[in-house]
């Protein structure tokens, strides 16, 4: 198990009461519940950052559309009937 560090966390009373109930129902601790939730947040952020990097690489490698980075049309031009 990784080394742990204690922190002080302020939560609304109602939320803490709910989390304690969840922990008891799962036969685990509030710390374990918080670790699980925060791990999910960190993993989501890591995956999002990786997806952004891949998207930027894909955009840099995209072929030129000959616009020089500027659209020669307006929204109204595209929606004329």
PDB file of N, CA and C in Angstrom:
ATOM      1  N   UNK A   1       0.837  -1.175   0.000  1.00  0.00           N
ATOM      2  CA  UNK A   1       0.000   0.000   0.000  1.00  0.00           C
ATOM      3  C   UNK A   1       0.884   1.240   0.000  1.00  0.00           C
ATOM      4  N   UNK A   2       0.457   2.279  -0.700  1.00  0.00           N
ATOM      5  CA  UNK A   2       1.219   3.517  -0.783  1.00  0.00           C
ATOM      6  C   UNK A   2       1.253   4.223   0.567  1.00  0.00           C
ATOM      7  N   UNK A   3       2.287   5.019   0.743  1.00  0.00           N
ATOM      8  CA  UNK A   3       2.393   5.805   1.969  1.00  0.00           C
ATOM      9  C   UNK A   3       1.230   6.789   2.026  1.00  0.00           C
ATOM     10  N   UNK A   4       0.681   6.979   3.195  1.00  0.00           N
ATOM     11  CA  UNK A   4      -0.461   7.877   3.341  1.00  0.00           C
ATOM     12  C   UNK A   4      -0.076   9.111   4.138  1.00  0.00           C
ATOM     13  N   UNK A   5      -0.908  10.128   4.001  1.00  0.00           N
ATOM     14  CA  UNK A   5      -0.713  11.359   4.753  1.00  0.00           C
ATOM     15  C   UNK A   5      -2.076  11.837   5.217  1.00  0.00           C
ATOM     16  N   UNK A   6      -2.159  12.236   6.449  1.00  0.00           N
ATOM     17  CA  UNK A   6      -3.413  12.750   6.986  1.00  0.00           C
ATOM     18  C   UNK A   6      -3.647  14.177   6.514  1.00  0.00           C
ATOM     19  N   UNK A   7      -4.918  14.499   6.245  1.00  0.00           N
ATOM     20  CA  UNK A   7      -5.308  15.856   5.879  1.00  0.00           C
ATOM     21  C   UNK A   7      -6.539  16.238   6.691  1.00  0.00           C
ATOM     22  N   UNK A   8      -6.817  17.521   6.723  1.00  0.00           N
ATOM     23  CA  UNK A   8      -8.050  18.000   7.341  1.00  0.00           C
ATOM     24  C   UNK A   8      -9.002  18.349   6.211  1.00  0.00           C
ATOM     25  N   UNK A   9     -10.204  17.840   6.288  1.00  0.00           N
ATOM     26  CA  UNK A   9     -11.193  18.041   5.238  1.00  0.00           C
ATOM     27  C   UNK A   9     -12.482  18.530   5.875  1.00  0.00           C
ATOM     28  N   UNK A  10     -12.996  19.642   5.391  1.00  0.00           N
ATOM     29  CA  UNK A  10     -14.259  20.169   5.909  1.00  0.00           C
ATOM     30  C   UNK A  10     -15.377  19.792   4.951  1.00  0.00           C
ATOM     31  N   UNK A  11     -16.388  19.127   5.477  1.00  0.00           N
ATOM     32  CA  UNK A  11     -17.537  18.698   4.679  1.00  0.00           C
ATOM     33  C   UNK A  11     -18.815  19.175   5.352  1.00  0.00           C
ATOM     34  N   UNK A  12     -19.847  19.420   4.560  1.00  0.00           N
ATOM     35  CA  UNK A  12     -21.146  19.721   5.168  1.00  0.00           C
ATOM     36  C   UNK A  12     -21.585  18.536   6.035  1.00  0.00           C
ATOM     37  N   UNK A  13     -22.213  18.844   7.165  1.00  0.00           N
ATOM     38  CA  UNK A  13     -22.613  17.792   8.116  1.00  0.00           C
ATOM     39  C   UNK A  13     -23.480  16.719   7.462  1.00  0.00           C
ATOM     40  N   UNK A  14     -24.446  17.149   6.663  1.00  0.00           N
ATOM     41  CA  UNK A  14     -25.340  16.174   6.024  1.00  0.00           C
ATOM     42  C   UNK A  14     -24.569  15.222   5.114  1.00  0.00           C
ATOM     43  N   UNK A  15     -23.619  15.770   4.357  1.00  0.00           N
ATOM     44  CA  UNK A  15     -22.819  14.926   3.470  1.00  0.00           C
ATOM     45  C   UNK A  15     -21.985  13.940   4.279  1.00  0.00           C
ATOM     46  N   UNK A  16     -21.354  14.411   5.329  1.00  0.00           N
ATOM     47  CA  UNK A  16     -20.547  13.521   6.161  1.00  0.00           C
ATOM     48  C   UNK A  16     -21.402  12.409   6.756  1.00  0.00           C
ATOM     49  N   UNK A  17     -22.593  12.758   7.192  1.00  0.00           N
ATOM     50  CA  UNK A  17     -23.504  11.750   7.752  1.00  0.00           C
ATOM     51  C   UNK A  17     -23.830  10.686   6.687  1.00  0.00           C
ATOM     52  N   UNK A  18     -24.088  11.134   5.461  1.00  0.00           N
ATOM     53  CA  UNK A  18     -24.387  10.189   4.375  1.00  0.00           C
ATOM     54  C   UNK A  18     -23.182   9.304   4.067  1.00  0.00           C
ATOM     55  N   UNK A  19     -21.998   9.913   4.006  1.00  0.00           N
ATOM     56  CA  UNK A  19     -20.788   9.149   3.693  1.00  0.00           C
ATOM     57  C   UNK A  19     -20.491   8.129   4.788  1.00  0.00           C
ATOM     58  N   UNK A  20     -20.711   8.492   6.031  1.00  0.00           N
ATOM     59  CA  UNK A  20     -20.515   7.537   7.128  1.00  0.00           C
ATOM     60  C   UNK A  20     -21.477   6.364   6.986  1.00  0.00           C
ATOM     61  N   UNK A  21     -22.704   6.650   6.576  1.00  0.00           N
ATOM     62  CA  UNK A  21     -23.688   5.588   6.375  1.00  0.00           C
ATOM     63  C   UNK A  21     -23.257   4.670   5.223  1.00  0.00           C
ATOM     64  N   UNK A  22     -22.797   5.281   4.134  1.00  0.00           N
ATOM     65  CA  UNK A  22     -22.323   4.493   2.989  1.00  0.00           C
ATOM     66  C   UNK A  22     -21.148   3.615   3.410  1.00  0.00           C
ATOM     67  N   UNK A  23     -20.212   4.192   4.138  1.00  0.00           N
ATOM     68  CA  UNK A  23     -19.041   3.428   4.592  1.00  0.00           C
ATOM     69  C   UNK A  23     -19.463   2.257   5.468  1.00  0.00           C
ATOM     70  N   UNK A  24     -20.404   2.490   6.366  1.00  0.00           N
ATOM     71  CA  UNK A  24     -20.878   1.408   7.240  1.00  0.00           C
ATOM     72  C   UNK A  24     -21.561   0.319   6.419  1.00  0.00           C
ATOM     73  N   UNK A  25     -22.391   0.723   5.448  1.00  0.00           N
ATOM     74  CA  UNK A  25     -23.072  -0.254   4.590  1.00  0.00           C
ATOM     75  C   UNK A  25     -22.082  -1.100   3.798  1.00  0.00           C
ATOM     76  N   UNK A  26     -20.968  -0.497   3.401  1.00  0.00           N
ATOM     77  CA  UNK A  26     -19.951  -1.202   2.616  1.00  0.00           C
ATOM     78  C   UNK A  26     -18.901  -1.874   3.499  1.00  0.00           C
ATOM     79  N   UNK A  27     -19.059  -1.728   4.800  1.00  0.00           N
ATOM     80  CA  UNK A  27     -18.096  -2.280   5.756  1.00  0.00           C
ATOM     81  C   UNK A  27     -16.686  -1.772   5.455  1.00  0.00           C
ATOM     82  N   UNK A  28     -16.574  -0.451   5.285  1.00  0.00           N
ATOM     83  CA  UNK A  28     -15.292   0.183   5.006  1.00  0.00           C
ATOM     84  C   UNK A  28     -15.214   1.491   5.781  1.00  0.00           C
ATOM     85  N   UNK A  29     -14.196   2.274   5.526  1.00  0.00           N
ATOM     86  CA  UNK A  29     -14.010   3.533   6.259  1.00  0.00           C
ATOM     87  C   UNK A  29     -14.330   4.733   5.371  1.00  0.00           C
ATOM     88  N   UNK A  30     -14.549   5.865   6.025  1.00  0.00           N
ATOM     89  CA  UNK A  30     -14.745   7.117   5.286  1.00  0.00           C
ATOM     90  C   UNK A  30     -13.485   7.417   4.476  1.00  0.00           C
ATOM     91  N   UNK A  31     -12.329   7.151   5.041  1.00  0.00           N
ATOM     92  CA  UNK A  31     -11.069   7.371   4.314  1.00  0.00           C
ATOM     93  C   UNK A  31     -11.015   6.544   3.037  1.00  0.00           C
ATOM     94  N   UNK A  32     -11.455   5.301   3.102  1.00  0.00           N
ATOM     95  CA  UNK A  32     -11.454   4.446   1.910  1.00  0.00           C
ATOM     96  C   UNK A  32     -12.422   4.980   0.860  1.00  0.00           C
ATOM     97  N   UNK A  33     -13.580   5.458   1.302  1.00  0.00           N
ATOM     98  CA  UNK A  33     -14.558   6.040   0.370  1.00  0.00           C
ATOM     99  C   UNK A  33     -13.955   7.269  -0.306  1.00  0.00           C
ATOM    100  N   UNK A  34     -13.326   8.145   0.482  1.00  0.00           N
ATOM    101  CA  UNK A  34     -12.724   9.359  -0.067  1.00  0.00           C
ATOM    102  C   UNK A  34     -11.570   9.020  -1.006  1.00  0.00           C
ATOM    103  N   UNK A  35     -10.756   8.045  -0.640  1.00  0.00           N
ATOM    104  CA  UNK A  35      -9.648   7.629  -1.499  1.00  0.00           C
ATOM    105  C   UNK A  35     -10.168   7.134  -2.839  1.00  0.00           C
ATOM    106  N   UNK A  36     -11.214   6.320  -2.804  1.00  0.00           N
ATOM    107  CA  UNK A  36     -11.817   5.805  -4.039  1.00  0.00           C
ATOM    108  C   UNK A  36     -12.335   6.945  -4.910  1.00  0.00           C
ATOM    109  N   UNK A  37     -13.055   7.883  -4.312  1.00  0.00           N
ATOM    110  CA  UNK A  37     -13.631   8.995  -5.071  1.00  0.00           C
ATOM    111  C   UNK A  37     -12.543   9.897  -5.651  1.00  0.00           C
ATOM    112  N   UNK A  38     -11.551  10.224  -4.851  1.00  0.00           N
ATOM    113  CA  UNK A  38     -10.489  11.112  -5.323  1.00  0.00           C
ATOM    114  C   UNK A  38      -9.600  10.431  -6.357  1.00  0.00           C
ATOM    115  N   UNK A  39      -9.432   9.130  -6.245  1.00  0.00           N
ATOM    116  CA  UNK A  39      -8.687   8.381  -7.256  1.00  0.00           C
ATOM    117  C   UNK A  39      -9.406   8.450  -8.595  1.00  0.00           C
ATOM    118  N   UNK A  40     -10.739   8.327  -8.566  1.00  0.00           N
ATOM    119  CA  UNK A  40     -11.522   8.438  -9.803  1.00  0.00           C
ATOM    120  C   UNK A  40     -11.365   9.823 -10.434  1.00  0.00           C
ATOM    121  N   UNK A  41     -11.390  10.867  -9.611  1.00  0.00           N
ATOM    122  CA  UNK A  41     -11.224  12.234 -10.124  1.00  0.00           C
ATOM    123  C   UNK A  41      -9.851  12.389 -10.773  1.00  0.00           C
ATOM    124  N   UNK A  42      -8.805  11.936 -10.093  1.00  0.00           N
ATOM    125  CA  UNK A  42      -7.445  12.053 -10.618  1.00  0.00           C
ATOM    126  C   UNK A  42      -7.279  11.253 -11.907  1.00  0.00           C
ATOM    127  N   UNK A  43      -7.844  10.061 -11.967  1.00  0.00           N
ATOM    128  CA  UNK A  43      -7.747   9.221 -13.167  1.00  0.00           C
ATOM    129  C   UNK A  43      -8.494   9.862 -14.331  1.00  0.00           C
ATOM    130  N   UNK A  44      -9.661  10.409 -14.068  1.00  0.00           N
ATOM    131  CA  UNK A  44     -10.431  11.094 -15.112  1.00  0.00           C
ATOM    132  C   UNK A  44      -9.619  12.262 -15.664  1.00  0.00           C
ATOM    133  N   UNK A  45      -9.010  13.039 -14.782  1.00  0.00           N
ATOM    134  CA  UNK A  45      -8.210  14.183 -15.206  1.00  0.00           C
ATOM    135  C   UNK A  45      -7.008  13.732 -16.032  1.00  0.00           C
ATOM    136  N   UNK A  46      -6.370  12.645 -15.624  1.00  0.00           N
ATOM    137  CA  UNK A  46      -5.214  12.120 -16.367  1.00  0.00           C
ATOM    138  C   UNK A  46      -5.619  11.688 -17.765  1.00  0.00           C
ATOM    139  N   UNK A  47      -6.755  10.983 -17.860  1.00  0.00           N
ATOM    140  CA  UNK A  47      -7.232  10.522 -19.172  1.00  0.00           C
ATOM    141  C   UNK A  47      -7.645  11.685 -20.059  1.00  0.00           C
ATOM    142  N   UNK A  48      -8.273  12.699 -19.461  1.00  0.00           N
ATOM    143  CA  UNK A  48      -8.688  13.872 -20.224  1.00  0.00           C
ATOM    144  C   UNK A  48      -7.469  14.598 -20.791  1.00  0.00           C
ATOM    145  N   UNK A  49      -6.432  14.772 -19.977  1.00  0.00           N
ATOM    146  CA  UNK A  49      -5.208  15.431 -20.431  1.00  0.00           C
ATOM    147  C   UNK A  49      -4.552  14.634 -21.558  1.00  0.00           C
ATOM    148  N   UNK A  50      -4.540  13.321 -21.448  1.00  0.00           N
ATOM    149  CA  UNK A  50      -3.963  12.476 -22.501  1.00  0.00           C
ATOM    150  C   UNK A  50      -4.770  12.599 -23.791  1.00  0.00           C
ATOM    151  N   UNK A  51      -6.087  12.653 -23.683  1.00  0.00           N
ATOM    152  CA  UNK A  51      -6.940  12.803 -24.865  1.00  0.00           C
ATOM    153  C   UNK A  51      -6.700  14.158 -25.529  1.00  0.00           C
ATOM    154  N   UNK A  52      -6.521  15.195 -24.725  1.00  0.00           N
ATOM    155  CA  UNK A  52      -6.225  16.520 -25.286  1.00  0.00           C
ATOM    156  C   UNK A  52      -4.904  16.503 -26.039  1.00  0.00           C
ATOM    157  N   UNK A  53      -3.890  15.848 -25.468  1.00  0.00           N
ATOM    158  CA  UNK A  53      -2.598  15.764 -26.152  1.00  0.00           C
ATOM    159  C   UNK A  53      -2.744  15.031 -27.485  1.00  0.00           C
ATOM    160  N   UNK A  54      -3.480  13.925 -27.490  1.00  0.00           N
ATOM    161  CA  UNK A  54      -3.678  13.175 -28.734  1.00  0.00           C
ATOM    162  C   UNK A  54      -4.429  14.013 -29.763  1.00  0.00           C
ATOM    163  N   UNK A  55      -5.425  14.769 -29.317  1.00  0.00           N
ATOM    164  CA  UNK A  55      -6.201  15.610 -30.236  1.00  0.00           C
ATOM    165  C   UNK A  55      -5.317  16.699 -30.842  1.00  0.00           C
ATOM    166  N   UNK A  56      -4.462  17.296 -30.024  1.00  0.00           N
ATOM    167  CA  UNK A  56      -3.568  18.337 -30.546  1.00  0.00           C
ATOM    168  C   UNK A  56      -2.600  17.773 -31.577  1.00  0.00           C
ATOM    169  N   UNK A  57      -2.066  16.598 -31.314  1.00  0.00           N
ATOM    170  CA  UNK A  57      -1.165  15.952 -32.273  1.00  0.00           C
ATOM    171  C   UNK A  57      -1.916  15.674 -33.571  1.00  0.00           C
ATOM    172  N   UNK A  58      -3.144  15.183 -33.461  1.00  0.00           N
ATOM    173  CA  UNK A  58      -3.944  14.894 -34.654  1.00  0.00           C
ATOM    174  C   UNK A  58      -4.232  16.170 -35.437  1.00  0.00           C
ATOM    175  N   UNK A  59      -4.523  17.263 -34.743  1.00  0.00           N
ATOM    176  CA  UNK A  59      -4.812  18.522 -35.435  1.00  0.00           C
ATOM    177  C   UNK A  59      -3.571  19.068 -36.129  1.00  0.00           C
ATOM    178  N   UNK A  60      -2.411  18.933 -35.486  1.00  0.00           N
ATOM    179  CA  UNK A  60      -1.175  19.413 -36.112  1.00  0.00           C
ATOM    180  C   UNK A  60      -0.852  18.607 -37.362  1.00  0.00           C
ATOM    181  N   UNK A  61      -1.224  17.340 -37.359  1.00  0.00           N
ATOM    182  CA  UNK A  61      -0.947  16.478 -38.499  1.00  0.00           C
ATOM    183  C   UNK A  61      -2.029  16.510 -39.566  1.00  0.00           C
ATOM    184  N   UNK A  62      -3.081  17.286 -39.340  1.00  0.00           N
ATOM    185  CA  UNK A  62      -4.187  17.336 -40.305  1.00  0.00           C
ATOM    186  C   UNK A  62      -3.745  18.074 -41.565  1.00  0.00           C
ATOM    187  N   UNK A  63      -4.341  17.721 -42.665  1.00  0.00           N
ATOM    188  CA  UNK A  63      -3.957  18.367 -43.922  1.00  0.00           C
ATOM    189  C   UNK A  63      -4.529  19.778 -43.985  1.00  0.00           C
ATOM    190  N   UNK A  64      -3.858  20.604 -44.745  1.00  0.00           N
ATOM    191  CA  UNK A  64      -4.270  21.993 -44.901  1.00  0.00           C
ATOM    192  C   UNK A  64      -5.515  22.067 -45.774  1.00  0.00           C
ATOM    193  N   UNK A  65      -6.422  22.926 -45.411  1.00  0.00           N
ATOM    194  CA  UNK A  65      -7.628  23.134 -46.217  1.00  0.00           C
ATOM    195  C   UNK A  65      -7.471  24.335 -47.140  1.00  0.00           C
ATOM    196  N   UNK A  66      -6.279  24.929 -47.138  1.00  0.00           N
ATOM    197  CA  UNK A  66      -6.005  26.051 -48.022  1.00  0.00           C
ATOM    198  C   UNK A  66      -6.595  27.370 -47.552  1.00  0.00           C
ATOM    199  N   UNK A  67      -6.994  27.452 -46.317  1.00  0.00           N
ATOM    200  CA  UNK A  67      -7.602  28.686 -45.811  1.00  0.00           C
ATOM    201  C   UNK A  67      -6.597  29.568 -45.089  1.00  0.00           C
ATOM    202  N   UNK A  68      -5.413  29.059 -44.838  1.00  0.00           N
ATOM    203  CA  UNK A  68      -4.434  29.828 -44.086  1.00  0.00           C
ATOM    204  C   UNK A  68      -4.873  30.084 -42.655  1.00  0.00           C
ATOM    205  N   UNK A  69      -5.791  29.277 -42.178  1.00  0.00           N
ATOM    206  CA  UNK A  69      -6.263  29.422 -40.812  1.00  0.00           C
ATOM    207  C   UNK A  69      -7.407  30.402 -40.652  1.00  0.00           C
ATOM    208  N   UNK A  70      -7.874  30.973 -41.755  1.00  0.00           N
ATOM    209  CA  UNK A  70      -8.982  31.930 -41.691  1.00  0.00           C
ATOM    210  C   UNK A  70     -10.099  31.475 -42.629  1.00  0.00           C
ATOM    211  N   UNK A  71     -11.306  31.537 -42.127  1.00  0.00           N
ATOM    212  CA  UNK A  71     -12.465  31.178 -42.949  1.00  0.00           C
ATOM    213  C   UNK A  71     -12.766  32.330 -43.901  1.00  0.00           C
ATOM    214  N   UNK A  72     -13.019  32.008 -45.153  1.00  0.00           N
ATOM    215  CA  UNK A  72     -13.347  33.041 -46.146  1.00  0.00           C
ATOM    216  C   UNK A  72     -14.855  33.191 -46.288  1.00  0.00           C
ATOM    217  N   UNK A  73     -15.588  32.616 -45.400  1.00  0.00           N
ATOM    218  CA  UNK A  73     -17.043  32.675 -45.436  1.00  0.00           C
ATOM    219  C   UNK A  73     -17.564  33.096 -44.072  1.00  0.00           C
ATOM    220  N   UNK A  74     -18.800  33.498 -44.053  1.00  0.00           N
ATOM    221  CA  UNK A  74     -19.441  33.857 -42.789  1.00  0.00           C
ATOM    222  C   UNK A  74     -20.504  32.819 -42.474  1.00  0.00           C
ATOM    223  N   UNK A  75     -20.983  32.874 -41.283  1.00  0.00           N
ATOM    224  CA  UNK A  75     -22.052  31.955 -40.874  1.00  0.00           C
ATOM    225  C   UNK A  75     -23.276  32.164 -41.765  1.00  0.00           C
ATOM    226  N   UNK A  76     -23.589  33.428 -42.036  1.00  0.00           N
ATOM    227  CA  UNK A  76     -24.751  33.724 -42.887  1.00  0.00           C
ATOM    228  C   UNK A  76     -24.572  33.151 -44.292  1.00  0.00           C
ATOM    229  N   UNK A  77     -23.338  33.229 -44.836  1.00  0.00           N
ATOM    230  CA  UNK A  77     -23.082  32.641 -46.158  1.00  0.00           C
ATOM    231  C   UNK A  77     -23.406  31.151 -46.164  1.00  0.00           C
ATOM    232  N   UNK A  78     -23.030  30.477 -45.109  1.00  0.00           N
ATOM    233  CA  UNK A  78     -23.237  29.031 -45.039  1.00  0.00           C
ATOM    234  C   UNK A  78     -24.702  28.663 -44.868  1.00  0.00           C
ATOM    235  N   UNK A  79     -25.487  29.579 -44.303  1.00  0.00           N
ATOM    236  CA  UNK A  79     -26.886  29.269 -44.021  1.00  0.00           C
ATOM    237  C   UNK A  79     -27.865  29.945 -44.980  1.00  0.00           C
ATOM    238  N   UNK A  80     -27.331  30.542 -46.063  1.00  0.00           N
ATOM    239  CA  UNK A  80     -28.223  31.144 -47.065  1.00  0.00           C
ATOM    240  C   UNK A  80     -29.044  30.063 -47.729  1.00  0.00           C
ATOM    241  N   UNK A  81     -30.270  30.411 -48.038  1.00  0.00           N
ATOM    242  CA  UNK A  81     -31.137  29.444 -48.723  1.00  0.00           C
ATOM    243  C   UNK A  81     -31.478  29.924 -50.090  1.00  0.00           C
TER     244      UNK A  81
END
